């Protein structure tokens, strides 16, 4: 049985049928503008009234980190969604949307290069080339991790261009590992535990966000079909496990940085806590949208109608990625 939808009315190119497309384009541009402004203005807003001081150029660093996270999600999600599709009986695997991995790799390379230049300037935004000590990158832990990310995105791009998507797993894992190690310096209490929690958190977030994006692109390419509904249902089941892992690792990581007795106070009085609270609210919204999509998938006559809340879920997940970038640029809370 094939699921069908009523045919859409064909009108003149300048008629009403063009208005939804124009509206979607305007909405996309607005979302991109918001996504760019959050990391640029977020640190300043989060620090207001806390008495804390952020590192110079925190807005630019937050923007670069958010772009890097997004660039990690896209190829990871494509691999994840493709693997799920192979488990769907009768899936038209020959019909696939164009890969965005090359563009994501190029974007991630630029962001990683920008972050490497920040490390080479002593964790400040460089004003000119002479400010950077590129040779010094090989002599510090942060510098080596930054170079690892730059090289990893080069390899991701080459694998995508030469149609070797399976090989992308290793450089993607390298980026996730580098970010996890960078977030927990050796001077921190139990840094390996923190890095392990962050690694699981980053991987689950990349699979959830990038996976949903590519699943929706595959549904659009396949059109209304039983295979599309089955793929969305399979993704929903796996996403529930990813959400549980994200919740567990995120909670544990937050309690390591904000002891239980100080959590509620620091969520409102520190920049890190305020941004973390904003991220938690966004994740709660994502969970509600995911639940709505799951209920629609079970009850609707046309299961593919569940893609409406799923599209909103992608947008909310994108904002979570952006806020995560802001979180990395803020001073860590004080352990009282």
Foldseek 3Di string as FASTA:
>chain_A
DFDDDDDDDDDDCPDPVCVVVVVVVVVVVVLVVVLLVCLQCVLVVLAPPQPDDFDAPLSVQLNLQLLLLLLLLALLQVVLLLVLLVVFPPRPSVFFDDRCNLVSLVSNLVSLVQCLQCVQQVNYRDPDPVSGDLVCLVVDLLSVLSVLSNVLSVVSNVCSVVVNSVVNVVSSLSNLLSVLQVLFDPVADPSVVSSVLSSLLSSLLSNLQNNLVRLVRSCVRRDGGPSSLVSLLSSLVVNVVSLVSNVVSVVVNVCSQEPPVCLVVCLRNGSLNVLVVVLVVLVVLLVVLSVQLNVCLVPPPRNVVSVVSSVVSSSSSSSSSSSVSSNSRGDGDDYD
